[in-house]
């Protein structure tokens, strides 16, 4: 493994920590398959600044460690060596360290010198927010989420929290998008498009990018509504079309494909379409899992799991987990790095999972075959299949 670039990246991060200009650091694609990723951020404990790391493991656990800000170099260096990818997020730009399969490392630093300090909360810090109640966001006013003064309507507070959390995820995957040039974005089965408008606003107003974004849905009344709102807001780079996404074609490979709560098999169609188009990043929140639930039959279940058929609610929850596992495996077989997270607190909505996928052009055919085999074995074990 080439260490020069890694040492340079670690020293850069330590300098940002010392200057209190680090918002977040994410270590992903670990060599240890028992781990998922590690995230780090600055916290203040008894007037001293610490780097708080949170390691997420494959069995769903999370482990926290607090390291004094002046003792972080060895921790940062080791974490960089243990992961193939490190993303550094600051108020003045981002940086990325990538380590190839052959051990070659590349550090891309797009952080401007100077700039503002990071906001450092206490150890019991509040979640980061991109949207603030009381601030006027014209797209939220037009969509009926807030009044003209920026106050969120009581009946729309859950939607407001969902939009804010979604934008945090867009912010997290932003380093995986092209660093320059126009961003091409699709929202397939866009519906009323709350998150479409939010993503367009975030990428153009906060990230200051030129965006060509298209929302597609089969419902003509929805497309007419969204088109009118985009016109009122002056969102010239945002358009909506009435289209069947199973045959939808584009002129350029999309950088980002969104699919939020496409119902049941529509999610499968969206994911297949996005993979067919070789989208660089996919964010999808599945909705309903009736197809696999209907296919789950007692006589087809592996030995020992037949009792699931006795309890409809438990069978439904199992169908959800099985469906989304199959979806993730099929995306991996198409060359994507995939993880699953929660969009908002579970108490706000049961339709809460988000599948995040980033295309990996360097994934070997052997790895793709392995993932495809796992998908087929899981399908065969339960006698179910996803829509093609």
Foldseek 3Di string as FASTA:
>chain_A
DDCPVLLVVLVVVLVCLVVQFFAKKKFAAFPPQQWGIKMWGWAADPNFIWIWIWTATPVGDIDIDTHGSVPCSVVSSVSPVRGQKMWTDGQQDIKMWGADPVGDIDIGDPGDPDDDHHDHYHPVDDDDWPDDQQDDDPLCCLLVQAPRRRHGDPVNPLVVLLLRLVVVVCVVCVVLFDPDDEAEEEEEQCFLPPNVVSVLCCCCPVVVHHYQYEYEHQDPVSQVSVQVSCVVVVVVNYHYDRDDLLPDDDPAQHQEYEYEAPEALSQVSSLVSNLVSPHQKYKYQYHYHVQQLVQQDLVLAAPPCSCCVVDSVSSRVVSVVLVVVLSQLLLVLSAWDWDKDFSGPCVSDVSTIMIMIGHDPPDDNVRSVVSVVVSVVSCNNRVHDRDD
